[in-house]
Amino acid sequence: MRCDYCYNKDIVFAKEGSHTFVDVLEFLKTRVGLLEAVVLSGGEATMHNLVEFSYAIKELGFKIKLDTNGTNFTQVKKLIELDLLDFVALDYKAPKEKFTQITHSNKYEEFSKTLDFLIESNTAFEARTTLHSDLLSTEDINSIIKDLKRRGYKNNYYIQSFLDTKINIANLKAPTSTFDKSILLDELNIIWR
């Protein structure tokens, strides 16, 4: 994906990583007893084979949270079936009609499959959307809320405000459009970040 608002530009466009799995595991060994959990994030963490890495993290006694866009259903499913994930944060980037425009990918169906699997599996997870009001309107967020509700999602729905870091994929600035929270549907418990 190449989401316009993504502030992990350096990671998304990197040709190779700065640290190996071995480097990370060696560092984590120095944090046993100091930290409780590890977050696997990115870019998109599931672009890598995380099974062996997650087993090694678990052997050190850490819980694992996965931040994902949900487009690698097979990997997410495998990690959950192997009981390697304690929590998943799933990015619901945009409603189906705007998904390609926002993400510059055609992977809505893969995301959708992951969302359904997470709901059906009773995995501890949250759905969240990054909001830049020049890209997503109140109607778009209401469409996401309706879709989550229709699928049986019962957890909190997190809306995180666009981070104006000056470094993002599309060089976006702070939104100029206003966002009227008062007309959002109250079908889910919305948490603003």
C-alpha atoms as a PDB file:
ATOM      1  CA  MET A   1       0.000   0.000   0.000  1.00  0.00           C
ATOM      2  CA  ARG A   2       0.968   3.597  -0.503  1.00  0.00           C
ATOM      3  CA  CYS A   3      -1.519   5.444   1.696  1.00  0.00           C
ATOM      4  CA  ASP A   4      -1.124   9.166   1.111  1.00  0.00           C
ATOM      5  CA  TYR A   5      -1.096  10.002   4.836  1.00  0.00           C
ATOM      6  CA  CYS A   6       1.405   7.289   5.810  1.00  0.00           C
ATOM      7  CA  TYR A   7       4.221   8.729   7.940  1.00  0.00           C
ATOM      8  CA  ASN A   8       6.340   5.567   7.670  1.00  0.00           C
ATOM      9  CA  LYS A   9       7.604   6.670   4.267  1.00  0.00           C
ATOM     10  CA  ASP A  10      11.174   5.600   5.038  1.00  0.00           C
ATOM     11  CA  ILE A  11      10.029   2.083   5.900  1.00  0.00           C
ATOM     12  CA  VAL A  12       7.590   1.722   2.997  1.00  0.00           C
ATOM     13  CA  PHE A  13      10.167   2.683   0.370  1.00  0.00           C
ATOM     14  CA  ALA A  14      13.202   1.030   2.000  1.00  0.00           C
ATOM     15  CA  LYS A  15      15.045  -1.500  -0.131  1.00  0.00           C
ATOM     16  CA  GLU A  16      16.199  -3.435   2.923  1.00  0.00           C
ATOM     17  CA  GLY A  17      15.829  -3.282   6.673  1.00  0.00           C
ATOM     18  CA  SER A  18      18.222  -1.740   9.145  1.00  0.00           C
ATOM     19  CA  HIS A  19      18.088  -4.721  11.525  1.00  0.00           C
ATOM     20  CA  THR A  20      17.852  -8.469  11.092  1.00  0.00           C
ATOM     21  CA  PHE A  21      15.513 -10.701  13.057  1.00  0.00           C
ATOM     22  CA  VAL A  22      18.611 -11.856  14.987  1.00  0.00           C
ATOM     23  CA  ASP A  23      19.471  -8.230  15.866  1.00  0.00           C
ATOM     24  CA  VAL A  24      15.953  -7.663  17.173  1.00  0.00           C
ATOM     25  CA  LEU A  25      15.929 -10.886  19.192  1.00  0.00           C
ATOM     26  CA  GLU A  26      19.299 -10.026  20.747  1.00  0.00           C
ATOM     27  CA  PHE A  27      17.933  -6.628  21.747  1.00  0.00           C
ATOM     28  CA  LEU A  28      14.749  -8.186  23.164  1.00  0.00           C
ATOM     29  CA  LYS A  29      16.830 -10.519  25.323  1.00  0.00           C
ATOM     30  CA  THR A  30      18.110  -7.392  27.102  1.00  0.00           C
ATOM     31  CA  ARG A  31      14.509  -6.343  27.792  1.00  0.00           C
ATOM     32  CA  VAL A  32      13.196  -9.555  29.370  1.00  0.00           C
ATOM     33  CA  GLY A  33      11.539  -8.591  32.635  1.00  0.00           C
ATOM     34  CA  LEU A  34      11.432  -4.926  31.600  1.00  0.00           C
ATOM     35  CA  LEU A  35       8.875  -5.097  28.797  1.00  0.00           C
ATOM     36  CA  GLU A  36       5.682  -7.116  28.547  1.00  0.00           C
ATOM     37  CA  ALA A  37       4.998  -7.090  24.834  1.00  0.00           C
ATOM     38  CA  VAL A  38       6.332  -6.515  21.344  1.00  0.00           C
ATOM     39  CA  VAL A  39       4.507  -4.793  18.485  1.00  0.00           C
ATOM     40  CA  LEU A  40       5.080  -6.109  14.980  1.00  0.00           C
ATOM     41  CA  SER A  41       4.438  -3.202  12.670  1.00  0.00           C
ATOM     42  CA  GLY A  42       5.659  -1.571   9.488  1.00  0.00           C
ATOM     43  CA  GLY A  43       4.999  -0.671   6.581  1.00  0.00           C
ATOM     44  CA  GLU A  44       3.271  -4.017   6.611  1.00  0.00           C
ATOM     45  CA  ALA A  45       4.796  -6.567   8.976  1.00  0.00           C
ATOM     46  CA  THR A  46       3.074  -9.540   7.324  1.00  0.00           C
ATOM     47  CA  MET A  47       5.157  -9.024   4.184  1.00  0.00           C
ATOM     48  CA  HIS A  48       7.727 -11.055   6.137  1.00  0.00           C
ATOM     49  CA  ASN A  49       7.389 -14.624   7.363  1.00  0.00           C
ATOM     50  CA  LEU A  50       6.632 -13.933  11.006  1.00  0.00           C
ATOM     51  CA  VAL A  51       5.988 -17.452  12.300  1.00  0.00           C
ATOM     52  CA  GLU A  52       9.528 -18.417  13.336  1.00  0.00           C
ATOM     53  CA  PHE A  53      10.233 -14.874  14.561  1.00  0.00           C
ATOM     54  CA  SER A  54       7.034 -14.874  16.646  1.00  0.00           C
ATOM     55  CA  TYR A  55       7.895 -18.245  18.185  1.00  0.00           C
ATOM     56  CA  ALA A  56      11.275 -16.819  19.223  1.00  0.00           C
ATOM     57  CA  ILE A  57       9.611 -13.726  20.719  1.00  0.00           C
ATOM     58  CA  LYS A  58       7.145 -15.920  22.637  1.00  0.00           C
ATOM     59  CA  GLU A  59      10.001 -18.073  23.952  1.00  0.00           C
ATOM     60  CA  LEU A  60      11.415 -14.923  25.542  1.00  0.00           C
ATOM     61  CA  GLY A  61       8.106 -14.491  27.376  1.00  0.00           C
ATOM     62  CA  PHE A  62       6.687 -11.501  25.473  1.00  0.00           C
ATOM     63  CA  LYS A  63       3.143 -10.993  24.292  1.00  0.00           C
ATOM     64  CA  ILE A  64       2.754  -9.981  20.645  1.00  0.00           C
ATOM     65  CA  LYS A  65       0.565  -7.328  19.066  1.00  0.00           C
ATOM     66  CA  LEU A  66       0.322  -7.175  15.281  1.00  0.00           C
ATOM     67  CA  ASP A  67      -0.405  -3.897  13.492  1.00  0.00           C
ATOM     68  CA  THR A  68      -1.677  -4.818  10.034  1.00  0.00           C
ATOM     69  CA  ASN A  69      -3.563  -3.587   7.010  1.00  0.00           C
ATOM     70  CA  GLY A  70      -5.045  -7.084   6.720  1.00  0.00           C
ATOM     71  CA  THR A  71      -4.004  -7.711   3.138  1.00  0.00           C
ATOM     72  CA  ASN A  72      -2.063 -10.898   3.938  1.00  0.00           C
ATOM     73  CA  PHE A  73      -4.946 -13.058   5.130  1.00  0.00           C
ATOM     74  CA  THR A  74      -2.960 -16.304   4.977  1.00  0.00           C
ATOM     75  CA  GLN A  75      -0.229 -15.029   7.305  1.00  0.00           C
ATOM     76  CA  VAL A  76      -2.632 -13.417   9.800  1.00  0.00           C
ATOM     77  CA  LYS A  77      -4.738 -16.605   9.916  1.00  0.00           C
ATOM     78  CA  LYS A  78      -1.671 -18.796  10.437  1.00  0.00           C
ATOM     79  CA  LEU A  79      -0.309 -16.613  13.258  1.00  0.00           C
ATOM     80  CA  ILE A  80      -3.676 -16.721  15.024  1.00  0.00           C
ATOM     81  CA  GLU A  81      -4.179 -20.447  14.530  1.00  0.00           C
ATOM     82  CA  LEU A  82      -0.711 -21.046  15.985  1.00  0.00           C
ATOM     83  CA  ASP A  83      -1.707 -18.876  18.983  1.00  0.00           C
ATOM     84  CA  LEU A  84       1.185 -16.496  18.382  1.00  0.00           C
ATOM     85  CA  LEU A  85      -0.761 -13.222  18.551  1.00  0.00           C
ATOM     86  CA  ASP A  86      -2.225 -11.708  21.693  1.00  0.00           C
ATOM     87  CA  PHE A  87      -3.776  -8.705  19.979  1.00  0.00           C
ATOM     88  CA  VAL A  88      -4.303  -7.367  16.458  1.00  0.00           C
ATOM     89  CA  ALA A  89      -4.802  -3.750  15.384  1.00  0.00           C
ATOM     90  CA  LEU A  90      -6.449  -3.833  11.957  1.00  0.00           C
ATOM     91  CA  ASP A  91      -6.340  -0.707   9.832  1.00  0.00           C
ATOM     92  CA  TYR A  92      -9.670  -0.140   8.098  1.00  0.00           C
ATOM     93  CA  LYS A  93      -8.238   2.307   5.583  1.00  0.00           C
ATOM     94  CA  ALA A  94     -11.397   3.350   3.745  1.00  0.00           C
ATOM     95  CA  PRO A  95     -14.807   2.126   2.635  1.00  0.00           C
ATOM     96  CA  LYS A  96     -14.771  -0.206  -0.367  1.00  0.00           C
ATOM     97  CA  GLU A  97     -15.627   2.617  -2.792  1.00  0.00           C
ATOM     98  CA  LYS A  98     -12.567   4.651  -1.750  1.00  0.00           C
ATOM     99  CA  PHE A  99     -10.160   1.880  -0.786  1.00  0.00           C
ATOM    100  CA  THR A 100      -8.052   1.995  -3.946  1.00  0.00           C
ATOM    101  CA  GLN A 101      -8.004   5.797  -3.984  1.00  0.00           C
ATOM    102  CA  ILE A 102      -6.722   5.940  -0.379  1.00  0.00           C
ATOM    103  CA  THR A 103      -4.341   2.956  -0.424  1.00  0.00           C
ATOM    104  CA  HIS A 104      -3.242   2.895  -4.076  1.00  0.00           C
ATOM    105  CA  SER A 105      -3.858  -0.864  -3.981  1.00  0.00           C
ATOM    106  CA  ASN A 106      -6.609  -3.223  -5.092  1.00  0.00           C
ATOM    107  CA  LYS A 107      -6.585  -5.384  -1.980  1.00  0.00           C
ATOM    108  CA  TYR A 108      -9.947  -4.600  -0.418  1.00  0.00           C
ATOM    109  CA  GLU A 109     -11.148  -8.213  -0.763  1.00  0.00           C
ATOM    110  CA  GLU A 110      -8.071  -9.528   1.084  1.00  0.00           C
ATOM    111  CA  PHE A 111      -8.601  -6.948   3.844  1.00  0.00           C
ATOM    112  CA  SER A 112     -12.295  -7.877   3.997  1.00  0.00           C
ATOM    113  CA  LYS A 113     -11.476 -11.575   4.378  1.00  0.00           C
ATOM    114  CA  THR A 114      -9.093 -10.807   7.251  1.00  0.00           C
ATOM    115  CA  LEU A 115     -11.681  -8.619   8.990  1.00  0.00           C
ATOM    116  CA  ASP A 116     -14.311 -11.372   8.779  1.00  0.00           C
ATOM    117  CA  PHE A 117     -11.840 -13.958  10.047  1.00  0.00           C
ATOM    118  CA  LEU A 118     -10.871 -11.805  13.037  1.00  0.00           C
ATOM    119  CA  ILE A 119     -14.514 -11.234  13.969  1.00  0.00           C
ATOM    120  CA  GLU A 120     -15.368 -14.940  13.654  1.00  0.00           C
ATOM    121  CA  SER A 121     -12.249 -16.135  15.489  1.00  0.00           C
ATOM    122  CA  ASN A 122     -12.929 -14.125  18.652  1.00  0.00           C
ATOM    123  CA  THR A 123      -9.357 -12.867  18.497  1.00  0.00           C
ATOM    124  CA  ALA A 124      -8.676  -9.823  20.659  1.00  0.00           C
ATOM    125  CA  PHE A 125      -8.472  -7.034  18.105  1.00  0.00           C
ATOM    126  CA  GLU A 126      -9.433  -3.497  17.245  1.00  0.00           C
ATOM    127  CA  ALA A 127     -10.432  -1.825  14.004  1.00  0.00           C
ATOM    128  CA  ARG A 128      -9.027   1.619  13.446  1.00  0.00           C
ATOM    129  CA  THR A 129      -9.032   4.283  10.773  1.00  0.00           C
ATOM    130  CA  THR A 130      -6.636   7.145  10.230  1.00  0.00           C
ATOM    131  CA  LEU A 131      -8.659  10.241   9.475  1.00  0.00           C
ATOM    132  CA  HIS A 132      -7.505  13.018   7.185  1.00  0.00           C
ATOM    133  CA  SER A 133     -10.719  14.924   6.524  1.00  0.00           C
ATOM    134  CA  ASP A 134      -9.583  16.004   3.052  1.00  0.00           C
ATOM    135  CA  LEU A 135      -9.499  12.292   2.139  1.00  0.00           C
ATOM    136  CA  LEU A 136     -12.314  10.757   4.194  1.00  0.00           C
ATOM    137  CA  SER A 137     -15.643  12.444   4.910  1.00  0.00           C
ATOM    138  CA  THR A 138     -18.187  11.886   7.642  1.00  0.00           C
ATOM    139  CA  GLU A 139     -20.151   9.808   5.126  1.00  0.00           C
ATOM    140  CA  ASP A 140     -17.093   7.619   4.525  1.00  0.00           C
ATOM    141  CA  ILE A 141     -16.618   6.993   8.251  1.00  0.00           C
ATOM    142  CA  ASN A 142     -20.347   6.257   8.613  1.00  0.00           C
ATOM    143  CA  SER A 143     -20.017   3.750   5.779  1.00  0.00           C
ATOM    144  CA  ILE A 144     -17.200   2.025   7.687  1.00  0.00           C
ATOM    145  CA  ILE A 145     -19.270   2.022  10.889  1.00  0.00           C
ATOM    146  CA  LYS A 146     -22.244   0.460   9.057  1.00  0.00           C
ATOM    147  CA  ASP A 147     -19.995  -2.192   7.504  1.00  0.00           C
ATOM    148  CA  LEU A 148     -18.371  -3.094  10.824  1.00  0.00           C
ATOM    149  CA  LYS A 149     -21.774  -3.339  12.507  1.00  0.00           C
ATOM    150  CA  ARG A 150     -23.205  -5.466   9.655  1.00  0.00           C
ATOM    151  CA  ARG A 151     -20.296  -7.901   9.968  1.00  0.00           C
ATOM    152  CA  GLY A 152     -20.834  -8.313  13.715  1.00  0.00           C
ATOM    153  CA  TYR A 153     -17.948  -6.208  15.011  1.00  0.00           C
ATOM    154  CA  LYS A 154     -18.589  -5.376  18.681  1.00  0.00           C
ATOM    155  CA  ASN A 155     -15.315  -3.860  19.869  1.00  0.00           C
ATOM    156  CA  ASN A 156     -14.326  -0.203  20.123  1.00  0.00           C
ATOM    157  CA  TYR A 157     -13.746   1.528  16.805  1.00  0.00           C
ATOM    158  CA  TYR A 158     -10.721   3.806  16.933  1.00  0.00           C
ATOM    159  CA  ILE A 159     -10.379   6.887  14.795  1.00  0.00           C
ATOM    160  CA  GLN A 160      -6.892   8.309  14.873  1.00  0.00           C
ATOM    161  CA  SER A 161      -6.247  11.796  13.623  1.00  0.00           C
ATOM    162  CA  PHE A 162      -3.775  12.349  10.812  1.00  0.00           C
ATOM    163  CA  LEU A 163      -0.319  13.073  12.183  1.00  0.00           C
ATOM    164  CA  ASP A 164       1.087  16.142  10.479  1.00  0.00           C
ATOM    165  CA  THR A 165       4.699  14.969  10.625  1.00  0.00           C
ATOM    166  CA  LYS A 166       5.769  16.869   7.511  1.00  0.00           C
ATOM    167  CA  ILE A 167       7.001  13.509   6.207  1.00  0.00           C
ATOM    168  CA  ASN A 168       4.290  11.430   4.582  1.00  0.00           C
ATOM    169  CA  ILE A 169       3.926   9.654   1.269  1.00  0.00           C
ATOM    170  CA  ALA A 170       1.856  12.369  -0.470  1.00  0.00           C
ATOM    171  CA  ASN A 171       3.410  15.286   1.424  1.00  0.00           C
ATOM    172  CA  LEU A 172      -0.009  16.074   2.860  1.00  0.00           C
ATOM    173  CA  LYS A 173      -0.482  19.025   5.140  1.00  0.00           C
ATOM    174  CA  ALA A 174      -3.047  19.430   7.903  1.00  0.00           C
ATOM    175  CA  PRO A 175      -6.610  18.917   6.622  1.00  0.00           C
ATOM    176  CA  THR A 176      -8.488  21.958   5.385  1.00  0.00           C
ATOM    177  CA  SER A 177     -11.924  20.275   5.431  1.00  0.00           C
ATOM    178  CA  THR A 178     -13.885  20.246   8.665  1.00  0.00           C
ATOM    179  CA  PHE A 179     -15.136  16.980  10.087  1.00  0.00           C
ATOM    180  CA  ASP A 180     -18.459  17.044  11.913  1.00  0.00           C
ATOM    181  CA  LYS A 181     -18.293  14.349  14.603  1.00  0.00           C
ATOM    182  CA  SER A 182     -21.874  15.105  15.660  1.00  0.00           C
ATOM    183  CA  ILE A 183     -23.335  13.363  12.595  1.00  0.00           C
ATOM    184  CA  LEU A 184     -21.461  10.104  13.061  1.00  0.00           C
ATOM    185  CA  LEU A 185     -23.613   7.050  13.638  1.00  0.00           C
ATOM    186  CA  ASP A 186     -23.715   5.837  17.236  1.00  0.00           C
ATOM    187  CA  GLU A 187     -23.816   2.145  16.308  1.00  0.00           C
ATOM    188  CA  LEU A 188     -20.310   1.505  17.686  1.00  0.00           C
ATOM    189  CA  ASN A 189     -18.316   2.887  20.577  1.00  0.00           C
ATOM    190  CA  ILE A 190     -15.946   5.327  18.880  1.00  0.00           C
ATOM    191  CA  ILE A 191     -12.688   6.222  20.564  1.00  0.00           C
ATOM    192  CA  TRP A 192     -10.771   9.233  19.231  1.00  0.00           C
ATOM    193  CA  ARG A 193      -6.989   9.194  19.330  1.00  0.00           C
END
